Amino acid sequence: MTKCIGCGVILQDKFPNKEGYTRSLDNKFCERCFNIKHYNKYLKVDDKDYSNVIKDIDKHGDLILLVTDFLNLYNLDELKLNSPVILVLTKTDLLPRSINKEHLLSNIKLNVLAKIMVSSKNNYNFDLLYELIMKYKKSNNVYVIGYTNAGKSSLINKFLKNYGSFEGAITVSNLPSTTLDLIENKVNDKLTLIDTPGLLDKGSMILSASSLMLKKITPKKEVRPISYQIKGFQSLLIEDFMRIDMENTNVICYMSNALDFRRVYNKKNCNLSSYDIDMRKNQDLVIKGLGFITFKKNCHITLWLLDGISYLIRDSII
């Protein structure tokens, strides 16, 4: 059986509407990966629970790279990994210049061997990450895990280019569930990076957004924080899927700048689910898959969100 080198699924030429379909078993890519790679055309697959895959990986005791980005720093401790872990913060090129990198890393409270920031786009810090991997790996196999759209495949492709004999071919896309099975990538005689399916974070905007909206919520360049001084009652609208009603506070938004932010001054209900929340000074309101808003003063808010989208509160990481 041959696997697609893009997503890891077993290739088959019998069922066009099933995973792994290709017109010829001599092809390296399945039809789905070929369309993503060459035409940015996405065929959605059924959502699967990949948590059991992570549990099986954890049994090996090999080194794990836990990959995320600064907009999605939450729920990482829920994975409850027993294997040695290096936390890899990807997409550092998106990080606002005003953020102190070391301060941010120190605010991530997670029991790991090391924490490091990298950028696949700018080839930033890969030599240092490679040194950490070689220092802590238990065997040649190192697993790369993270929630969907975390940048795992881009990271592995950069490793293959930097430290291997050929450029990587793993399918890279900002669309969810691009990698469907384990993909072994031999970097060199001392290291094999194993790509894994992106974990599906229940309640994330990434899983609910249309392909057009997904492009807007996924930043392509440095995120510029947007600050608002709220005097009296005001509402902050973000596209048509989020609204915050609040009074007399200051907030800073860390989200894609392609999104439409608007302020309005009238109270009215909307066709969204509402939540009453007490925010404290220097707390973040995190919207899963979207980003976060830091509150600089205590205040009571009413948060309006699309059904199925989740939020959480944490101490500010900035």
C-alpha atoms as a PDB file:
ATOM      1  CA  MET A   1       0.000   0.000   0.000  1.00  0.00           C
ATOM      2  CA  THR A   2       1.300   3.446  -0.986  1.00  0.00           C
ATOM      3  CA  LYS A   3       0.539   6.607   0.943  1.00  0.00           C
ATOM      4  CA  CYS A   4      -0.018  10.084  -0.474  1.00  0.00           C
ATOM      5  CA  ILE A   5       3.128  12.077   0.298  1.00  0.00           C
ATOM      6  CA  GLY A   6       0.985  15.172   0.850  1.00  0.00           C
ATOM      7  CA  CYS A   7      -1.511  14.062   3.497  1.00  0.00           C
ATOM      8  CA  GLY A   8      -0.426  10.519   4.434  1.00  0.00           C
ATOM      9  CA  VAL A   9      -3.655   8.750   3.451  1.00  0.00           C
ATOM     10  CA  ILE A  10      -3.461   5.405   1.589  1.00  0.00           C
ATOM     11  CA  LEU A  11      -3.851   5.903  -2.171  1.00  0.00           C
ATOM     12  CA  GLN A  12      -6.713   4.157  -4.011  1.00  0.00           C
ATOM     13  CA  ASP A  13      -8.095   4.433  -7.560  1.00  0.00           C
ATOM     14  CA  LYS A  14     -11.555   2.855  -7.139  1.00  0.00           C
ATOM     15  CA  PHE A  15     -13.696   5.395  -5.281  1.00  0.00           C
ATOM     16  CA  PRO A  16     -13.514   9.049  -6.453  1.00  0.00           C
ATOM     17  CA  ASN A  17     -15.513  10.343  -3.486  1.00  0.00           C
ATOM     18  CA  LYS A  18     -13.379   8.600  -0.855  1.00  0.00           C
ATOM     19  CA  GLU A  19     -10.148   9.687   0.837  1.00  0.00           C
ATOM     20  CA  GLY A  20      -6.964   8.839  -1.038  1.00  0.00           C
ATOM     21  CA  TYR A  21      -8.474   8.730  -4.526  1.00  0.00           C
ATOM     22  CA  THR A  22      -6.047   9.150  -7.419  1.00  0.00           C
ATOM     23  CA  ARG A  23      -6.525   8.428 -11.105  1.00  0.00           C
ATOM     24  CA  SER A  24      -3.330   6.392 -11.139  1.00  0.00           C
ATOM     25  CA  LEU A  25      -1.572   4.552  -8.329  1.00  0.00           C
ATOM     26  CA  ASP A  26       1.693   5.718  -9.888  1.00  0.00           C
ATOM     27  CA  ASN A  27       0.900   9.261  -8.698  1.00  0.00           C
ATOM     28  CA  LYS A  28       2.528  10.577  -5.532  1.00  0.00           C
ATOM     29  CA  PHE A  29      -0.405  12.768  -4.497  1.00  0.00           C
ATOM     30  CA  CYS A  30      -4.067  11.956  -3.975  1.00  0.00           C
ATOM     31  CA  GLU A  31      -6.532  14.033  -6.014  1.00  0.00           C
ATOM     32  CA  ARG A  32      -7.397  16.154  -2.979  1.00  0.00           C
ATOM     33  CA  CYS A  33      -3.785  17.134  -2.249  1.00  0.00           C
ATOM     34  CA  PHE A  34      -3.123  17.752  -5.944  1.00  0.00           C
ATOM     35  CA  ASN A  35      -6.026  20.217  -6.089  1.00  0.00           C
ATOM     36  CA  ILE A  36      -4.962  21.966  -2.870  1.00  0.00           C
ATOM     37  CA  LYS A  37      -1.335  22.218  -4.009  1.00  0.00           C
ATOM     38  CA  HIS A  38      -1.936  23.429  -7.582  1.00  0.00           C
ATOM     39  CA  TYR A  39      -5.370  25.080  -7.558  1.00  0.00           C
ATOM     40  CA  ASN A  40      -6.010  25.921  -3.879  1.00  0.00           C
ATOM     41  CA  LYS A  41      -9.205  23.916  -4.333  1.00  0.00           C
ATOM     42  CA  TYR A  42     -10.311  22.301  -1.089  1.00  0.00           C
ATOM     43  CA  LEU A  43     -12.378  19.143  -0.667  1.00  0.00           C
ATOM     44  CA  LYS A  44     -13.664  18.949   2.901  1.00  0.00           C
ATOM     45  CA  VAL A  45     -13.356  15.601   4.653  1.00  0.00           C
ATOM     46  CA  ASP A  46     -15.361  14.255   7.568  1.00  0.00           C
ATOM     47  CA  ASP A  47     -14.086  15.533  10.914  1.00  0.00           C
ATOM     48  CA  LYS A  48     -12.350  12.826  12.929  1.00  0.00           C
ATOM     49  CA  ASP A  49     -11.209  12.592  16.514  1.00  0.00           C
ATOM     50  CA  TYR A  50      -7.441  12.194  16.333  1.00  0.00           C
ATOM     51  CA  SER A  51      -6.917  12.161  20.113  1.00  0.00           C
ATOM     52  CA  ASN A  52      -6.341   8.399  20.051  1.00  0.00           C
ATOM     53  CA  VAL A  53      -3.513   8.939  17.551  1.00  0.00           C
ATOM     54  CA  ILE A  54      -1.806  11.221  20.082  1.00  0.00           C
ATOM     55  CA  LYS A  55      -2.305   8.646  22.849  1.00  0.00           C
ATOM     56  CA  ASP A  56      -0.658   5.970  20.693  1.00  0.00           C
ATOM     57  CA  ILE A  57       2.241   8.325  19.895  1.00  0.00           C
ATOM     58  CA  ASP A  58       2.692   9.085  23.594  1.00  0.00           C
ATOM     59  CA  LYS A  59       3.196   5.370  24.325  1.00  0.00           C
ATOM     60  CA  HIS A  60       6.442   5.352  22.299  1.00  0.00           C
ATOM     61  CA  GLY A  61       8.123   7.818  24.647  1.00  0.00           C
ATOM     62  CA  ASP A  62       9.837   9.573  21.727  1.00  0.00           C
ATOM     63  CA  LEU A  63      10.432  13.315  21.654  1.00  0.00           C
ATOM     64  CA  ILE A  64       7.370  15.355  20.636  1.00  0.00           C
ATOM     65  CA  LEU A  65       7.343  18.814  19.065  1.00  0.00           C
ATOM     66  CA  LEU A  66       4.150  20.538  20.235  1.00  0.00           C
ATOM     67  CA  VAL A  67       3.434  23.190  17.609  1.00  0.00           C
ATOM     68  CA  THR A  68       1.191  26.249  17.931  1.00  0.00           C
ATOM     69  CA  ASP A  69       1.240  30.011  17.269  1.00  0.00           C
ATOM     70  CA  PHE A  70       0.814  33.022  19.547  1.00  0.00           C
ATOM     71  CA  LEU A  71      -2.844  33.564  18.581  1.00  0.00           C
ATOM     72  CA  ASN A  72      -3.740  30.040  19.671  1.00  0.00           C
ATOM     73  CA  LEU A  73      -1.900  29.541  22.970  1.00  0.00           C
ATOM     74  CA  TYR A  74      -4.517  27.670  24.956  1.00  0.00           C
ATOM     75  CA  ASN A  75      -5.631  24.158  25.962  1.00  0.00           C
ATOM     76  CA  LEU A  76      -2.114  22.788  25.405  1.00  0.00           C
ATOM     77  CA  ASP A  77      -1.978  21.279  28.896  1.00  0.00           C
ATOM     78  CA  GLU A  78      -5.147  19.290  28.162  1.00  0.00           C
ATOM     79  CA  LEU A  79      -3.122  16.943  25.944  1.00  0.00           C
ATOM     80  CA  LYS A  80      -1.528  15.485  29.121  1.00  0.00           C
ATOM     81  CA  LEU A  81       1.561  14.130  27.389  1.00  0.00           C
ATOM     82  CA  ASN A  82       3.978  11.880  29.295  1.00  0.00           C
ATOM     83  CA  SER A  83       6.638  11.936  26.565  1.00  0.00           C
ATOM     84  CA  PRO A  84       9.386  14.594  26.479  1.00  0.00           C
ATOM     85  CA  VAL A  85       8.071  17.737  24.764  1.00  0.00           C
ATOM     86  CA  ILE A  86       9.525  20.829  23.121  1.00  0.00           C
ATOM     87  CA  LEU A  87       7.012  23.653  22.648  1.00  0.00           C
ATOM     88  CA  VAL A  88       7.474  25.264  19.233  1.00  0.00           C
ATOM     89  CA  LEU A  89       5.805  28.624  18.696  1.00  0.00           C
ATOM     90  CA  THR A  90       5.508  28.971  14.921  1.00  0.00           C
ATOM     91  CA  LYS A  91       4.714  31.909  12.625  1.00  0.00           C
ATOM     92  CA  THR A  92       6.917  34.295  14.624  1.00  0.00           C
ATOM     93  CA  ASP A  93       6.861  36.588  11.595  1.00  0.00           C
ATOM     94  CA  LEU A  94       3.227  37.341  12.542  1.00  0.00           C
ATOM     95  CA  LEU A  95       4.171  38.425  16.076  1.00  0.00           C
ATOM     96  CA  PRO A  96       3.735  42.184  16.694  1.00  0.00           C
ATOM     97  CA  ARG A  97       7.104  43.922  17.027  1.00  0.00           C
ATOM     98  CA  SER A  98       5.935  45.489  20.279  1.00  0.00           C
ATOM     99  CA  ILE A  99       5.838  42.059  21.960  1.00  0.00           C
ATOM    100  CA  ASN A 100       8.922  40.960  23.869  1.00  0.00           C
ATOM    101  CA  LYS A 101       9.582  37.376  22.728  1.00  0.00           C
ATOM    102  CA  GLU A 102      11.299  36.226  25.909  1.00  0.00           C
ATOM    103  CA  HIS A 103       8.565  37.733  28.083  1.00  0.00           C
ATOM    104  CA  LEU A 104       5.910  35.943  26.039  1.00  0.00           C
ATOM    105  CA  LEU A 105       7.695  32.581  26.314  1.00  0.00           C
ATOM    106  CA  SER A 106       8.102  33.023  30.070  1.00  0.00           C
ATOM    107  CA  ASN A 107       4.346  33.591  30.422  1.00  0.00           C
ATOM    108  CA  ILE A 108       3.543  30.218  28.834  1.00  0.00           C
ATOM    109  CA  LYS A 109       3.125  27.960  31.851  1.00  0.00           C
ATOM    110  CA  LEU A 110       3.707  24.480  30.495  1.00  0.00           C
ATOM    111  CA  ASN A 111       5.870  21.625  31.752  1.00  0.00           C
ATOM    112  CA  VAL A 112       8.159  21.103  28.748  1.00  0.00           C
ATOM    113  CA  LEU A 113      11.875  20.557  28.106  1.00  0.00           C
ATOM    114  CA  ALA A 114      12.232  23.786  26.141  1.00  0.00           C
ATOM    115  CA  LYS A 115      10.218  26.585  24.512  1.00  0.00           C
ATOM    116  CA  ILE A 116      11.287  28.174  21.250  1.00  0.00           C
ATOM    117  CA  MET A 117       9.929  30.539  18.600  1.00  0.00           C
ATOM    118  CA  VAL A 118      10.459  29.850  14.902  1.00  0.00           C
ATOM    119  CA  SER A 119       9.327  31.173  11.539  1.00  0.00           C
ATOM    120  CA  SER A 120       9.145  28.816   8.573  1.00  0.00           C
ATOM    121  CA  LYS A 121       8.600  31.794   6.287  1.00  0.00           C
ATOM    122  CA  ASN A 122      11.763  33.601   7.435  1.00  0.00           C
ATOM    123  CA  ASN A 123      13.792  30.501   8.341  1.00  0.00           C
ATOM    124  CA  TYR A 124      14.114  31.921  11.866  1.00  0.00           C
ATOM    125  CA  ASN A 125      15.665  29.885  14.731  1.00  0.00           C
ATOM    126  CA  PHE A 126      15.719  26.549  12.877  1.00  0.00           C
ATOM    127  CA  ASP A 127      19.368  25.851  13.680  1.00  0.00           C
ATOM    128  CA  LEU A 128      18.621  26.325  17.371  1.00  0.00           C
ATOM    129  CA  LEU A 129      15.546  24.079  17.168  1.00  0.00           C
ATOM    130  CA  TYR A 130      17.588  21.433  15.355  1.00  0.00           C
ATOM    131  CA  GLU A 131      20.174  21.538  18.171  1.00  0.00           C
ATOM    132  CA  LEU A 132      17.434  21.116  20.791  1.00  0.00           C
ATOM    133  CA  ILE A 133      15.980  18.151  18.913  1.00  0.00           C
ATOM    134  CA  MET A 134      19.344  16.433  18.639  1.00  0.00           C
ATOM    135  CA  LYS A 135      19.942  17.062  22.348  1.00  0.00           C
ATOM    136  CA  TYR A 136      16.640  15.658  23.627  1.00  0.00           C
ATOM    137  CA  LYS A 137      15.519  13.033  21.078  1.00  0.00           C
ATOM    138  CA  LYS A 138      15.207   9.452  22.352  1.00  0.00           C
ATOM    139  CA  SER A 139      15.490   7.844  18.920  1.00  0.00           C
ATOM    140  CA  ASN A 140      15.624   8.989  15.314  1.00  0.00           C
ATOM    141  CA  ASN A 141      11.834   9.384  15.367  1.00  0.00           C
ATOM    142  CA  VAL A 142      10.443  12.758  16.490  1.00  0.00           C
ATOM    143  CA  TYR A 143       6.682  13.394  16.318  1.00  0.00           C
ATOM    144  CA  VAL A 144       5.189  16.757  15.347  1.00  0.00           C
ATOM    145  CA  ILE A 145       1.728  17.421  16.812  1.00  0.00           C
ATOM    146  CA  GLY A 146      -0.581  20.400  17.216  1.00  0.00           C
ATOM    147  CA  TYR A 147      -4.055  21.718  16.510  1.00  0.00           C
ATOM    148  CA  THR A 148      -5.089  22.057  12.886  1.00  0.00           C
ATOM    149  CA  ASN A 149      -3.563  25.050  11.055  1.00  0.00           C
ATOM    150  CA  ALA A 150      -0.681  25.303  13.550  1.00  0.00           C
ATOM    151  CA  GLY A 151       2.025  25.268  10.875  1.00  0.00           C
ATOM    152  CA  LYS A 152       3.298  21.703  11.378  1.00  0.00           C
ATOM    153  CA  SER A 153       3.679  20.813   7.706  1.00  0.00           C
ATOM    154  CA  SER A 154       5.454  24.074   6.868  1.00  0.00           C
ATOM    155  CA  LEU A 155       7.882  23.437   9.711  1.00  0.00           C
ATOM    156  CA  ILE A 156       8.668  19.906   8.504  1.00  0.00           C
ATOM    157  CA  ASN A 157       9.117  21.034   4.896  1.00  0.00           C
ATOM    158  CA  LYS A 158      11.615  23.656   6.081  1.00  0.00           C
ATOM    159  CA  PHE A 159      13.538  20.981   8.012  1.00  0.00           C
ATOM    160  CA  LEU A 160      13.679  18.794   4.917  1.00  0.00           C
ATOM    161  CA  LYS A 161      15.025  21.693   2.897  1.00  0.00           C
ATOM    162  CA  ASN A 162      17.543  22.860   5.503  1.00  0.00           C
ATOM    163  CA  TYR A 163      18.907  19.566   6.787  1.00  0.00           C
ATOM    164  CA  GLY A 164      17.862  16.953   4.230  1.00  0.00           C
ATOM    165  CA  SER A 165      18.774  16.151   0.661  1.00  0.00           C
ATOM    166  CA  PHE A 166      15.544  17.384  -0.941  1.00  0.00           C
ATOM    167  CA  GLU A 167      12.744  19.899  -0.447  1.00  0.00           C
ATOM    168  CA  GLY A 168       9.633  18.748   1.362  1.00  0.00           C
ATOM    169  CA  ALA A 169       6.417  17.832  -0.377  1.00  0.00           C
ATOM    170  CA  ILE A 170       3.906  17.717   2.499  1.00  0.00           C
ATOM    171  CA  THR A 171       0.734  19.561   1.488  1.00  0.00           C
ATOM    172  CA  VAL A 172       0.588  22.982   3.153  1.00  0.00           C
ATOM    173  CA  SER A 173      -2.705  24.827   3.480  1.00  0.00           C
ATOM    174  CA  ASN A 174      -4.494  27.100   5.951  1.00  0.00           C
ATOM    175  CA  LEU A 175      -7.514  24.833   5.566  1.00  0.00           C
ATOM    176  CA  PRO A 176      -8.306  22.383   8.398  1.00  0.00           C
ATOM    177  CA  SER A 177      -7.603  18.631   8.233  1.00  0.00           C
ATOM    178  CA  THR A 178      -5.022  18.812   5.438  1.00  0.00           C
ATOM    179  CA  THR A 179      -2.873  16.016   6.914  1.00  0.00           C
ATOM    180  CA  LEU A 180      -5.003  12.879   7.345  1.00  0.00           C
ATOM    181  CA  ASP A 181      -2.546  10.253   8.600  1.00  0.00           C
ATOM    182  CA  LEU A 182       0.992   9.868   9.931  1.00  0.00           C
ATOM    183  CA  ILE A 183       3.675  10.873   7.424  1.00  0.00           C
ATOM    184  CA  GLU A 184       7.270   9.808   8.035  1.00  0.00           C
ATOM    185  CA  ASN A 185       9.800  12.325   6.703  1.00  0.00           C
ATOM    186  CA  LYS A 186      13.421  11.215   6.840  1.00  0.00           C
ATOM    187  CA  VAL A 187      15.414  14.415   7.210  1.00  0.00           C
ATOM    188  CA  ASN A 188      18.781  12.656   7.401  1.00  0.00           C
ATOM    189  CA  ASP A 189      20.353   9.518   8.913  1.00  0.00           C
ATOM    190  CA  LYS A 190      19.890  10.920  12.422  1.00  0.00           C
ATOM    191  CA  LEU A 191      16.386  12.373  12.256  1.00  0.00           C
ATOM    192  CA  THR A 192      12.930  11.408  10.992  1.00  0.00           C
ATOM    193  CA  LEU A 193      10.113  13.900  11.612  1.00  0.00           C
ATOM    194  CA  ILE A 194       6.659  12.332  11.714  1.00  0.00           C
ATOM    195  CA  ASP A 195       3.821  14.647  10.733  1.00  0.00           C
ATOM    196  CA  THR A 196       0.455  13.956  12.376  1.00  0.00           C
ATOM    197  CA  PRO A 197      -3.141  14.960  11.612  1.00  0.00           C
ATOM    198  CA  GLY A 198      -4.041  18.330  13.100  1.00  0.00           C
ATOM    199  CA  LEU A 199      -6.046  18.013  16.289  1.00  0.00           C
ATOM    200  CA  LEU A 200      -9.555  19.384  15.859  1.00  0.00           C
ATOM    201  CA  ASP A 201     -10.184  21.950  18.581  1.00  0.00           C
ATOM    202  CA  LYS A 202     -13.897  21.835  19.356  1.00  0.00           C
ATOM    203  CA  GLY A 203     -15.385  25.320  19.293  1.00  0.00           C
ATOM    204  CA  SER A 204     -12.673  26.827  17.082  1.00  0.00           C
ATOM    205  CA  MET A 205     -13.560  29.388  14.415  1.00  0.00           C
ATOM    206  CA  ILE A 206     -11.238  27.488  12.075  1.00  0.00           C
ATOM    207  CA  LEU A 207     -13.654  24.556  11.951  1.00  0.00           C
ATOM    208  CA  SER A 208     -16.747  26.703  11.376  1.00  0.00           C
ATOM    209  CA  ALA A 209     -15.524  29.363   8.953  1.00  0.00           C
ATOM    210  CA  SER A 210     -16.072  29.270   5.216  1.00  0.00           C
ATOM    211  CA  SER A 211     -12.943  29.042   3.059  1.00  0.00           C
ATOM    212  CA  LEU A 212     -13.317  32.761   2.259  1.00  0.00           C
ATOM    213  CA  MET A 213     -13.616  33.756   5.930  1.00  0.00           C
ATOM    214  CA  LEU A 214     -10.787  31.391   6.861  1.00  0.00           C
ATOM    215  CA  LYS A 215      -8.488  33.448   4.631  1.00  0.00           C
ATOM    216  CA  LYS A 216      -9.505  36.588   6.542  1.00  0.00           C
ATOM    217  CA  ILE A 217      -9.065  35.185  10.049  1.00  0.00           C
ATOM    218  CA  THR A 218      -5.662  33.642   9.188  1.00  0.00           C
ATOM    219  CA  PRO A 219      -3.093  36.476   9.160  1.00  0.00           C
ATOM    220  CA  LYS A 220      -0.474  36.484   6.403  1.00  0.00           C
ATOM    221  CA  LYS A 221       1.758  39.234   7.826  1.00  0.00           C
ATOM    222  CA  GLU A 222       2.626  40.873  11.133  1.00  0.00           C
ATOM    223  CA  VAL A 223      -0.417  41.381  13.347  1.00  0.00           C
ATOM    224  CA  ARG A 224      -0.855  45.039  14.280  1.00  0.00           C
ATOM    225  CA  PRO A 225      -2.602  45.324  17.668  1.00  0.00           C
ATOM    226  CA  ILE A 226      -5.733  47.470  17.565  1.00  0.00           C
ATOM    227  CA  SER A 227      -6.434  49.534  20.710  1.00  0.00           C
ATOM    228  CA  TYR A 228      -9.744  51.025  21.788  1.00  0.00           C
ATOM    229  CA  GLN A 229     -10.489  53.431  24.635  1.00  0.00           C
ATOM    230  CA  ILE A 230     -14.063  52.749  25.640  1.00  0.00           C
ATOM    231  CA  LYS A 231     -15.814  55.708  27.292  1.00  0.00           C
ATOM    232  CA  GLY A 232     -19.395  55.143  28.335  1.00  0.00           C
ATOM    233  CA  PHE A 233     -21.235  52.309  26.584  1.00  0.00           C
ATOM    234  CA  GLN A 234     -19.901  51.011  23.277  1.00  0.00           C
ATOM    235  CA  SER A 235     -20.031  47.826  21.243  1.00  0.00           C
ATOM    236  CA  LEU A 236     -17.168  46.393  19.238  1.00  0.00           C
ATOM    237  CA  LEU A 237     -18.260  44.394  16.188  1.00  0.00           C
ATOM    238  CA  ILE A 238     -15.957  41.977  14.402  1.00  0.00           C
ATOM    239  CA  GLU A 239     -17.374  40.947  11.027  1.00  0.00           C
ATOM    240  CA  ASP A 240     -20.838  39.445  11.584  1.00  0.00           C
ATOM    241  CA  PHE A 241     -19.823  36.667  13.971  1.00  0.00           C
ATOM    242  CA  MET A 242     -18.772  38.528  17.138  1.00  0.00           C
ATOM    243  CA  ARG A 243     -19.781  41.526  19.249  1.00  0.00           C
ATOM    244  CA  ILE A 244     -18.698  42.810  22.663  1.00  0.00           C
ATOM    245  CA  ASP A 245     -20.852  45.225  24.693  1.00  0.00           C
ATOM    246  CA  MET A 246     -18.777  47.066  27.321  1.00  0.00           C
ATOM    247  CA  GLU A 247     -18.368  50.274  29.312  1.00  0.00           C
ATOM    248  CA  ASN A 248     -15.417  52.380  30.465  1.00  0.00           C
ATOM    249  CA  THR A 249     -12.445  50.191  29.725  1.00  0.00           C
ATOM    250  CA  ASN A 250      -9.431  49.931  27.415  1.00  0.00           C
ATOM    251  CA  VAL A 251      -8.874  46.914  25.189  1.00  0.00           C
ATOM    252  CA  ILE A 252      -6.211  45.715  22.741  1.00  0.00           C
ATOM    253  CA  CYS A 253      -7.175  43.294  19.955  1.00  0.00           C
ATOM    254  CA  TYR A 254      -4.701  40.705  18.665  1.00  0.00           C
ATOM    255  CA  MET A 255      -6.336  39.280  15.548  1.00  0.00           C
ATOM    256  CA  SER A 256      -5.903  39.287  11.787  1.00  0.00           C
ATOM    257  CA  ASN A 257      -5.957  42.845  10.461  1.00  0.00           C
ATOM    258  CA  ALA A 258      -7.933  41.656   7.428  1.00  0.00           C
ATOM    259  CA  LEU A 259     -11.023  41.456   9.651  1.00  0.00           C
ATOM    260  CA  ASP A 260     -13.605  44.233   9.744  1.00  0.00           C
ATOM    261  CA  PHE A 261     -13.657  45.998  13.167  1.00  0.00           C
ATOM    262  CA  ARG A 262     -16.440  48.493  13.892  1.00  0.00           C
ATOM    263  CA  ARG A 263     -17.580  50.503  16.908  1.00  0.00           C
ATOM    264  CA  VAL A 264     -21.266  51.215  17.523  1.00  0.00           C
ATOM    265  CA  TYR A 265     -22.969  53.103  20.337  1.00  0.00           C
ATOM    266  CA  ASN A 266     -26.484  51.651  20.523  1.00  0.00           C
ATOM    267  CA  LYS A 267     -27.704  48.656  22.492  1.00  0.00           C
ATOM    268  CA  LYS A 268     -29.613  46.066  20.532  1.00  0.00           C
ATOM    269  CA  ASN A 269     -29.932  42.317  20.387  1.00  0.00           C
ATOM    270  CA  CYS A 270     -28.415  40.343  17.523  1.00  0.00           C
ATOM    271  CA  ASN A 271     -28.733  36.839  16.116  1.00  0.00           C
ATOM    272  CA  LEU A 272     -25.829  35.492  18.162  1.00  0.00           C
ATOM    273  CA  SER A 273     -25.440  33.607  21.440  1.00  0.00           C
ATOM    274  CA  SER A 274     -24.742  35.918  24.403  1.00  0.00           C
ATOM    275  CA  TYR A 275     -22.515  35.468  27.478  1.00  0.00           C
ATOM    276  CA  ASP A 276     -22.212  37.790  30.494  1.00  0.00           C
ATOM    277  CA  ILE A 277     -18.594  37.939  31.669  1.00  0.00           C
ATOM    278  CA  ASP A 278     -16.661  39.840  34.329  1.00  0.00           C
ATOM    279  CA  MET A 279     -13.252  40.736  32.925  1.00  0.00           C
ATOM    280  CA  ARG A 280     -10.377  41.741  35.198  1.00  0.00           C
ATOM    281  CA  LYS A 281      -7.468  44.042  34.520  1.00  0.00           C
ATOM    282  CA  ASN A 282      -4.771  42.322  32.435  1.00  0.00           C
ATOM    283  CA  GLN A 283      -6.886  39.353  31.421  1.00  0.00           C
ATOM    284  CA  ASP A 284      -7.284  38.011  27.883  1.00  0.00           C
ATOM    285  CA  LEU A 285     -10.586  37.093  26.294  1.00  0.00           C
ATOM    286  CA  VAL A 286      -9.594  34.309  23.893  1.00  0.00           C
ATOM    287  CA  ILE A 287     -11.849  33.370  20.984  1.00  0.00           C
ATOM    288  CA  LYS A 288     -10.779  29.937  19.809  1.00  0.00           C
ATOM    289  CA  GLY A 289      -9.203  29.987  16.361  1.00  0.00           C
ATOM    290  CA  LEU A 290      -9.478  33.772  16.059  1.00  0.00           C
ATOM    291  CA  GLY A 291      -7.152  35.463  18.545  1.00  0.00           C
ATOM    292  CA  PHE A 292      -7.574  37.365  21.791  1.00  0.00           C
ATOM    293  CA  ILE A 293      -8.470  40.720  23.338  1.00  0.00           C
ATOM    294  CA  THR A 294      -6.571  42.066  26.355  1.00  0.00           C
ATOM    295  CA  PHE A 295      -8.538  44.131  28.883  1.00  0.00           C
ATOM    296  CA  LYS A 296      -6.617  46.875  30.684  1.00  0.00           C
ATOM    297  CA  LYS A 297      -9.357  47.682  33.245  1.00  0.00           C
ATOM    298  CA  ASN A 298     -11.937  45.711  35.210  1.00  0.00           C
ATOM    299  CA  CYS A 299     -15.316  45.668  33.496  1.00  0.00           C
ATOM    300  CA  HIS A 300     -18.462  43.658  32.840  1.00  0.00           C
ATOM    301  CA  ILE A 301     -19.101  42.683  29.228  1.00  0.00           C
ATOM    302  CA  THR A 302     -21.687  40.914  27.152  1.00  0.00           C
ATOM    303  CA  LEU A 303     -20.058  38.731  24.523  1.00  0.00           C
ATOM    304  CA  TRP A 304     -22.028  37.706  21.438  1.00  0.00           C
ATOM    305  CA  LEU A 305     -20.757  34.791  19.336  1.00  0.00           C
ATOM    306  CA  LEU A 306     -21.928  32.434  16.621  1.00  0.00           C
ATOM    307  CA  ASP A 307     -23.339  29.181  17.981  1.00  0.00           C
ATOM    308  CA  GLY A 308     -20.644  26.587  18.462  1.00  0.00           C
ATOM    309  CA  ILE A 309     -17.753  29.053  18.858  1.00  0.00           C
ATOM    310  CA  SER A 310     -16.002  28.860  22.236  1.00  0.00           C
ATOM    311  CA  TYR A 311     -14.146  31.379  24.359  1.00  0.00           C
ATOM    312  CA  LEU A 312     -11.963  31.267  27.475  1.00  0.00           C
ATOM    313  CA  ILE A 313     -10.428  33.685  29.974  1.00  0.00           C
ATOM    314  CA  ARG A 314      -6.766  33.660  31.007  1.00  0.00           C
ATOM    315  CA  ASP A 315      -4.166  35.958  32.560  1.00  0.00           C
ATOM    316  CA  SER A 316      -2.608  38.102  29.864  1.00  0.00           C
ATOM    317  CA  ILE A 317       0.346  36.515  28.048  1.00  0.00           C
ATOM    318  CA  ILE A 318       1.635  39.852  26.690  1.00  0.00           C
END
